[in-house]
């Protein structure tokens, strides 16, 4: 018994721009960890490691990556 099957094409829901934004967010996170590692050799008096690195990490994790995921781009026809 052969059922009538229709071929359904599936398009990836994310655009190239979203992938680039996620890549940028990962770059921001890596930069935050590199800044955090600048205080490893000495005592924790390095302002890059204590003040700047946590802000950069929060920006990457809480702003850039979620914006890249939620970015709609152009509306596609269903």
PDB file of N, CA and C in Angstrom:
ATOM      1  N   UNK A   1       0.831  -1.166   0.000  1.00  0.00           N
ATOM      2  CA  UNK A   1       0.000   0.000   0.000  1.00  0.00           C
ATOM      3  C   UNK A   1       0.885   1.242   0.000  1.00  0.00           C
ATOM      4  N   UNK A   2       0.774   1.990  -1.020  1.00  0.00           N
ATOM      5  CA  UNK A   2       1.558   3.209  -1.139  1.00  0.00           C
ATOM      6  C   UNK A   2       0.696   4.402  -0.748  1.00  0.00           C
ATOM      7  N   UNK A   3       1.182   5.152   0.202  1.00  0.00           N
ATOM      8  CA  UNK A   3       0.470   6.350   0.630  1.00  0.00           C
ATOM      9  C   UNK A   3       1.000   7.536  -0.174  1.00  0.00           C
ATOM     10  N   UNK A   4       0.136   8.469  -0.382  1.00  0.00           N
ATOM     11  CA  UNK A   4       0.582   9.680  -1.065  1.00  0.00           C
ATOM     12  C   UNK A   4       1.444  10.498  -0.105  1.00  0.00           C
ATOM     13  N   UNK A   5       2.703  10.659  -0.468  1.00  0.00           N
ATOM     14  CA  UNK A   5       3.619  11.425   0.366  1.00  0.00           C
ATOM     15  C   UNK A   5       4.026  12.682  -0.383  1.00  0.00           C
ATOM     16  N   UNK A   6       4.073  13.726   0.350  1.00  0.00           N
ATOM     17  CA  UNK A   6       4.557  14.966  -0.247  1.00  0.00           C
ATOM     18  C   UNK A   6       5.950  15.242   0.285  1.00  0.00           C
ATOM     19  N   UNK A   7       6.787  15.728  -0.586  1.00  0.00           N
ATOM     20  CA  UNK A   7       8.140  16.068  -0.162  1.00  0.00           C
ATOM     21  C   UNK A   7       8.117  17.412   0.542  1.00  0.00           C
ATOM     22  N   UNK A   8       8.585  17.399   1.766  1.00  0.00           N
ATOM     23  CA  UNK A   8       8.622  18.613   2.557  1.00  0.00           C
ATOM     24  C   UNK A   8      10.077  19.027   2.672  1.00  0.00           C
ATOM     25  N   UNK A   9      10.362  20.228   2.240  1.00  0.00           N
ATOM     26  CA  UNK A   9      11.729  20.727   2.380  1.00  0.00           C
ATOM     27  C   UNK A   9      11.825  21.507   3.676  1.00  0.00           C
ATOM     28  N   UNK A  10      12.922  21.312   4.354  1.00  0.00           N
ATOM     29  CA  UNK A  10      13.138  21.969   5.626  1.00  0.00           C
ATOM     30  C   UNK A  10      14.262  22.974   5.447  1.00  0.00           C
ATOM     31  N   UNK A  11      13.988  24.199   5.802  1.00  0.00           N
ATOM     32  CA  UNK A  11      14.994  25.251   5.757  1.00  0.00           C
ATOM     33  C   UNK A  11      15.448  25.550   7.167  1.00  0.00           C
ATOM     34  N   UNK A  12      16.745  25.750   7.317  1.00  0.00           N
ATOM     35  CA  UNK A  12      17.276  26.075   8.637  1.00  0.00           C
ATOM     36  C   UNK A  12      16.702  27.419   9.080  1.00  0.00           C
ATOM     37  N   UNK A  13      16.233  27.526  10.309  1.00  0.00           N
ATOM     38  CA  UNK A  13      15.565  28.757  10.736  1.00  0.00           C
ATOM     39  C   UNK A  13      16.510  29.937  10.958  1.00  0.00           C
ATOM     40  N   UNK A  14      17.805  29.684  11.090  1.00  0.00           N
ATOM     41  CA  UNK A  14      18.742  30.769  11.332  1.00  0.00           C
ATOM     42  C   UNK A  14      19.363  31.229  10.037  1.00  0.00           C
ATOM     43  N   UNK A  15      19.699  32.505   9.991  1.00  0.00           N
ATOM     44  CA  UNK A  15      20.317  33.077   8.805  1.00  0.00           C
ATOM     45  C   UNK A  15      21.828  33.151   9.000  1.00  0.00           C
ATOM     46  N   UNK A  16      22.499  33.508   7.928  1.00  0.00           N
ATOM     47  CA  UNK A  16      23.952  33.649   7.991  1.00  0.00           C
ATOM     48  C   UNK A  16      24.337  34.747   8.980  1.00  0.00           C
ATOM     49  N   UNK A  17      23.527  35.794   9.011  1.00  0.00           N
ATOM     50  CA  UNK A  17      23.806  36.910   9.922  1.00  0.00           C
ATOM     51  C   UNK A  17      23.739  36.455  11.380  1.00  0.00           C
ATOM     52  N   UNK A  18      22.785  35.588  11.706  1.00  0.00           N
ATOM     53  CA  UNK A  18      22.690  35.078  13.077  1.00  0.00           C
ATOM     54  C   UNK A  18      23.914  34.250  13.440  1.00  0.00           C
ATOM     55  N   UNK A  19      24.390  33.433  12.520  1.00  0.00           N
ATOM     56  CA  UNK A  19      25.592  32.654  12.796  1.00  0.00           C
ATOM     57  C   UNK A  19      26.802  33.560  13.005  1.00  0.00           C
ATOM     58  N   UNK A  20      26.891  34.631  12.235  1.00  0.00           N
ATOM     59  CA  UNK A  20      27.992  35.579  12.420  1.00  0.00           C
ATOM     60  C   UNK A  20      27.878  36.293  13.761  1.00  0.00           C
ATOM     61  N   UNK A  21      26.664  36.622  14.165  1.00  0.00           N
ATOM     62  CA  UNK A  21      26.470  37.268  15.462  1.00  0.00           C
ATOM     63  C   UNK A  21      26.831  36.324  16.605  1.00  0.00           C
ATOM     64  N   UNK A  22      26.492  35.050  16.477  1.00  0.00           N
ATOM     65  CA  UNK A  22      26.866  34.077  17.508  1.00  0.00           C
ATOM     66  C   UNK A  22      28.381  33.922  17.550  1.00  0.00           C
ATOM     67  N   UNK A  23      29.008  33.913  16.378  1.00  0.00           N
ATOM     68  CA  UNK A  23      30.476  33.854  16.342  1.00  0.00           C
ATOM     69  C   UNK A  23      31.098  35.067  17.013  1.00  0.00           C
ATOM     70  N   UNK A  24      30.510  36.242  16.789  1.00  0.00           N
ATOM     71  CA  UNK A  24      30.997  37.439  17.475  1.00  0.00           C
ATOM     72  C   UNK A  24      30.799  37.354  18.973  1.00  0.00           C
ATOM     73  N   UNK A  25      29.677  36.793  19.397  1.00  0.00           N
ATOM     74  CA  UNK A  25      29.425  36.611  20.830  1.00  0.00           C
ATOM     75  C   UNK A  25      30.424  35.657  21.460  1.00  0.00           C
ATOM     76  N   UNK A  26      30.760  34.600  20.741  1.00  0.00           N
ATOM     77  CA  UNK A  26      31.774  33.670  21.251  1.00  0.00           C
ATOM     78  C   UNK A  26      33.125  34.369  21.324  1.00  0.00           C
ATOM     79  N   UNK A  27      33.402  35.232  20.344  1.00  0.00           N
ATOM     80  CA  UNK A  27      34.645  36.009  20.392  1.00  0.00           C
ATOM     81  C   UNK A  27      34.692  36.944  21.589  1.00  0.00           C
ATOM     82  N   UNK A  28      33.564  37.579  21.920  1.00  0.00           N
ATOM     83  CA  UNK A  28      33.499  38.456  23.089  1.00  0.00           C
ATOM     84  C   UNK A  28      33.727  37.648  24.365  1.00  0.00           C
ATOM     85  N   UNK A  29      33.166  36.457  24.436  1.00  0.00           N
ATOM     86  CA  UNK A  29      33.345  35.600  25.611  1.00  0.00           C
ATOM     87  C   UNK A  29      34.802  35.167  25.748  1.00  0.00           C
ATOM     88  N   UNK A  30      35.417  34.799  24.635  1.00  0.00           N
ATOM     89  CA  UNK A  30      36.833  34.417  24.677  1.00  0.00           C
ATOM     90  C   UNK A  30      37.683  35.599  25.128  1.00  0.00           C
ATOM     91  N   UNK A  31      37.370  36.794  24.618  1.00  0.00           N
ATOM     92  CA  UNK A  31      38.090  37.992  25.052  1.00  0.00           C
ATOM     93  C   UNK A  31      37.929  38.206  26.554  1.00  0.00           C
ATOM     94  N   UNK A  32      36.736  37.973  27.079  1.00  0.00           N
ATOM     95  CA  UNK A  32      36.522  38.113  28.519  1.00  0.00           C
ATOM     96  C   UNK A  32      37.356  37.140  29.324  1.00  0.00           C
ATOM     97  N   UNK A  33      37.474  35.904  28.852  1.00  0.00           N
ATOM     98  CA  UNK A  33      38.301  34.941  29.572  1.00  0.00           C
ATOM     99  C   UNK A  33      39.784  35.258  29.453  1.00  0.00           C
ATOM    100  N   UNK A  34      40.203  35.799  28.316  1.00  0.00           N
ATOM    101  CA  UNK A  34      41.609  36.214  28.173  1.00  0.00           C
ATOM    102  C   UNK A  34      41.906  37.365  29.130  1.00  0.00           C
ATOM    103  N   UNK A  35      40.998  38.324  29.221  1.00  0.00           N
ATOM    104  CA  UNK A  35      41.191  39.415  30.171  1.00  0.00           C
ATOM    105  C   UNK A  35      41.192  38.904  31.601  1.00  0.00           C
ATOM    106  N   UNK A  36      40.362  37.929  31.888  1.00  0.00           N
ATOM    107  CA  UNK A  36      40.319  37.347  33.228  1.00  0.00           C
ATOM    108  C   UNK A  36      41.630  36.638  33.555  1.00  0.00           C
ATOM    109  N   UNK A  37      42.258  36.054  32.557  1.00  0.00           N
ATOM    110  CA  UNK A  37      43.505  35.327  32.780  1.00  0.00           C
ATOM    111  C   UNK A  37      44.694  36.258  32.978  1.00  0.00           C
ATOM    112  N   UNK A  38      44.553  37.552  32.729  1.00  0.00           N
ATOM    113  CA  UNK A  38      45.678  38.461  32.924  1.00  0.00           C
ATOM    114  C   UNK A  38      46.041  38.614  34.390  1.00  0.00           C
ATOM    115  N   UNK A  39      45.178  38.257  35.282  1.00  0.00           N
ATOM    116  CA  UNK A  39      45.471  38.368  36.707  1.00  0.00           C
ATOM    117  C   UNK A  39      45.972  37.075  37.325  1.00  0.00           C
ATOM    118  N   UNK A  40      46.296  36.080  36.524  1.00  0.00           N
ATOM    119  CA  UNK A  40      46.680  34.777  37.070  1.00  0.00           C
ATOM    120  C   UNK A  40      48.065  34.777  37.714  1.00  0.00           C
ATOM    121  N   UNK A  41      49.018  35.483  37.149  1.00  0.00           N
ATOM    122  CA  UNK A  41      50.384  35.393  37.646  1.00  0.00           C
ATOM    123  C   UNK A  41      50.635  36.198  38.898  1.00  0.00           C
ATOM    124  N   UNK A  42      49.877  37.221  39.124  1.00  0.00           N
ATOM    125  CA  UNK A  42      50.109  38.089  40.272  1.00  0.00           C
ATOM    126  C   UNK A  42      48.902  38.034  41.204  1.00  0.00           C
ATOM    127  N   UNK A  43      48.956  38.919  42.171  1.00  0.00           N
ATOM    128  CA  UNK A  43      47.779  39.024  43.029  1.00  0.00           C
ATOM    129  C   UNK A  43      46.639  39.637  42.222  1.00  0.00           C
ATOM    130  N   UNK A  44      45.448  39.559  42.757  1.00  0.00           N
ATOM    131  CA  UNK A  44      44.273  40.029  42.027  1.00  0.00           C
ATOM    132  C   UNK A  44      44.114  41.540  42.153  1.00  0.00           C
ATOM    133  N   UNK A  45      45.159  42.267  41.735  1.00  0.00           N
ATOM    134  CA  UNK A  45      45.054  43.721  41.746  1.00  0.00           C
ATOM    135  C   UNK A  45      45.027  44.292  40.331  1.00  0.00           C
ATOM    136  N   UNK A  46      44.923  43.420  39.344  1.00  0.00           N
ATOM    137  CA  UNK A  46      44.892  43.851  37.957  1.00  0.00           C
ATOM    138  C   UNK A  46      43.475  44.323  37.617  1.00  0.00           C
ATOM    139  N   UNK A  47      43.309  45.604  37.224  1.00  0.00           N
ATOM    140  CA  UNK A  47      41.947  46.083  36.941  1.00  0.00           C
ATOM    141  C   UNK A  47      41.297  45.416  35.730  1.00  0.00           C
ATOM    142  N   UNK A  48      42.099  44.923  34.787  1.00  0.00           N
ATOM    143  CA  UNK A  48      41.510  44.204  33.656  1.00  0.00           C
ATOM    144  C   UNK A  48      40.817  42.927  34.117  1.00  0.00           C
ATOM    145  N   UNK A  49      41.453  42.221  35.042  1.00  0.00           N
ATOM    146  CA  UNK A  49      40.898  40.951  35.502  1.00  0.00           C
ATOM    147  C   UNK A  49      39.763  41.146  36.498  1.00  0.00           C
ATOM    148  N   UNK A  50      39.836  42.195  37.290  1.00  0.00           N
ATOM    149  CA  UNK A  50      38.857  42.368  38.357  1.00  0.00           C
ATOM    150  C   UNK A  50      37.632  43.157  37.896  1.00  0.00           C
ATOM    151  N   UNK A  51      37.831  44.184  37.087  1.00  0.00           N
ATOM    152  CA  UNK A  51      36.732  45.082  36.741  1.00  0.00           C
ATOM    153  C   UNK A  51      36.196  44.875  35.328  1.00  0.00           C
ATOM    154  N   UNK A  52      37.065  44.765  34.359  1.00  0.00           N
ATOM    155  CA  UNK A  52      36.654  44.762  32.954  1.00  0.00           C
ATOM    156  C   UNK A  52      36.205  43.376  32.490  1.00  0.00           C
ATOM    157  N   UNK A  53      36.923  42.332  32.853  1.00  0.00           N
ATOM    158  CA  UNK A  53      36.624  40.982  32.369  1.00  0.00           C
ATOM    159  C   UNK A  53      35.215  40.511  32.744  1.00  0.00           C
ATOM    160  N   UNK A  54      34.750  40.695  33.975  1.00  0.00           N
ATOM    161  CA  UNK A  54      33.374  40.261  34.277  1.00  0.00           C
ATOM    162  C   UNK A  54      32.318  40.997  33.462  1.00  0.00           C
ATOM    163  N   UNK A  55      32.537  42.286  33.200  1.00  0.00           N
ATOM    164  CA  UNK A  55      31.584  43.047  32.399  1.00  0.00           C
ATOM    165  C   UNK A  55      31.555  42.516  30.968  1.00  0.00           C
ATOM    166  N   UNK A  56      32.723  42.224  30.415  1.00  0.00           N
ATOM    167  CA  UNK A  56      32.794  41.694  29.051  1.00  0.00           C
ATOM    168  C   UNK A  56      32.124  40.324  28.979  1.00  0.00           C
ATOM    169  N   UNK A  57      32.331  39.486  29.987  1.00  0.00           N
ATOM    170  CA  UNK A  57      31.701  38.164  29.996  1.00  0.00           C
ATOM    171  C   UNK A  57      30.179  38.269  30.104  1.00  0.00           C
ATOM    172  N   UNK A  58      29.683  39.172  30.935  1.00  0.00           N
ATOM    173  CA  UNK A  58      28.237  39.347  31.060  1.00  0.00           C
ATOM    174  C   UNK A  58      27.662  39.862  29.749  1.00  0.00           C
ATOM    175  N   UNK A  59      28.351  40.798  29.087  1.00  0.00           N
ATOM    176  CA  UNK A  59      27.894  41.287  27.787  1.00  0.00           C
ATOM    177  C   UNK A  59      27.799  40.146  26.778  1.00  0.00           C
ATOM    178  N   UNK A  60      28.803  39.280  26.767  1.00  0.00           N
ATOM    179  CA  UNK A  60      28.793  38.176  25.813  1.00  0.00           C
ATOM    180  C   UNK A  60      27.704  37.165  26.092  1.00  0.00           C
ATOM    181  N   UNK A  61      27.598  36.744  27.357  1.00  0.00           N
ATOM    182  CA  UNK A  61      26.639  35.702  27.708  1.00  0.00           C
ATOM    183  C   UNK A  61      25.190  36.199  27.748  1.00  0.00           C
ATOM    184  N   UNK A  62      24.976  37.409  28.235  1.00  0.00           N
ATOM    185  CA  UNK A  62      23.612  37.869  28.496  1.00  0.00           C
ATOM    186  C   UNK A  62      23.051  38.814  27.443  1.00  0.00           C
ATOM    187  N   UNK A  63      23.888  39.359  26.581  1.00  0.00           N
ATOM    188  CA  UNK A  63      23.379  40.304  25.595  1.00  0.00           C
ATOM    189  C   UNK A  63      23.646  39.838  24.172  1.00  0.00           C
ATOM    190  N   UNK A  64      24.897  39.571  23.825  1.00  0.00           N
ATOM    191  CA  UNK A  64      25.234  39.291  22.424  1.00  0.00           C
ATOM    192  C   UNK A  64      24.655  37.959  21.961  1.00  0.00           C
ATOM    193  N   UNK A  65      24.871  36.891  22.716  1.00  0.00           N
ATOM    194  CA  UNK A  65      24.375  35.567  22.308  1.00  0.00           C
ATOM    195  C   UNK A  65      22.841  35.531  22.267  1.00  0.00           C
ATOM    196  N   UNK A  66      22.121  36.016  23.294  1.00  0.00           N
ATOM    197  CA  UNK A  66      20.654  36.011  23.184  1.00  0.00           C
ATOM    198  C   UNK A  66      20.117  36.879  22.046  1.00  0.00           C
ATOM    199  N   UNK A  67      20.753  38.026  21.787  1.00  0.00           N
ATOM    200  CA  UNK A  67      20.314  38.848  20.660  1.00  0.00           C
ATOM    201  C   UNK A  67      20.523  38.121  19.337  1.00  0.00           C
ATOM    202  N   UNK A  68      21.620  37.397  19.232  1.00  0.00           N
ATOM    203  CA  UNK A  68      21.880  36.653  18.001  1.00  0.00           C
ATOM    204  C   UNK A  68      20.849  35.546  17.810  1.00  0.00           C
ATOM    205  N   UNK A  69      20.437  34.913  18.883  1.00  0.00           N
ATOM    206  CA  UNK A  69      19.444  33.841  18.779  1.00  0.00           C
ATOM    207  C   UNK A  69      18.072  34.413  18.446  1.00  0.00           C
ATOM    208  N   UNK A  70      17.721  35.535  19.058  1.00  0.00           N
ATOM    209  CA  UNK A  70      16.384  36.100  18.868  1.00  0.00           C
ATOM    210  C   UNK A  70      16.269  36.982  17.640  1.00  0.00           C
ATOM    211  N   UNK A  71      17.367  37.325  17.016  1.00  0.00           N
ATOM    212  CA  UNK A  71      17.328  38.205  15.856  1.00  0.00           C
ATOM    213  C   UNK A  71      16.496  37.567  14.759  1.00  0.00           C
ATOM    214  N   UNK A  72      15.488  38.270  14.297  1.00  0.00           N
ATOM    215  CA  UNK A  72      14.537  37.702  13.348  1.00  0.00           C
ATOM    216  C   UNK A  72      15.000  37.757  11.915  1.00  0.00           C
ATOM    217  N   UNK A  73      15.714  38.775  11.532  1.00  0.00           N
ATOM    218  CA  UNK A  73      16.091  38.919  10.127  1.00  0.00           C
ATOM    219  C   UNK A  73      14.872  39.228   9.287  1.00  0.00           C
ATOM    220  N   UNK A  74      14.916  38.857   8.033  1.00  0.00           N
ATOM    221  CA  UNK A  74      13.774  39.069   7.150  1.00  0.00           C
ATOM    222  C   UNK A  74      12.724  37.992   7.393  1.00  0.00           C
ATOM    223  N   UNK A  75      11.471  38.379   7.296  1.00  0.00           N
ATOM    224  CA  UNK A  75      10.391  37.417   7.463  1.00  0.00           C
ATOM    225  C   UNK A  75      10.356  36.490   6.249  1.00  0.00           C
ATOM    226  N   UNK A  76      10.220  35.216   6.529  1.00  0.00           N
ATOM    227  CA  UNK A  76      10.118  34.225   5.452  1.00  0.00           C
ATOM    228  C   UNK A  76       8.672  33.831   5.285  1.00  0.00           C
ATOM    229  N   UNK A  77       8.332  33.496   4.069  1.00  0.00           N
ATOM    230  CA  UNK A  77       6.980  33.017   3.839  1.00  0.00           C
ATOM    231  C   UNK A  77       6.862  31.588   4.328  1.00  0.00           C
ATOM    232  N   UNK A  78       5.768  31.288   4.979  1.00  0.00           N
ATOM    233  CA  UNK A  78       5.586  29.942   5.523  1.00  0.00           C
ATOM    234  C   UNK A  78       5.222  28.967   4.440  1.00  0.00           C
TER     235      UNK A  78
END
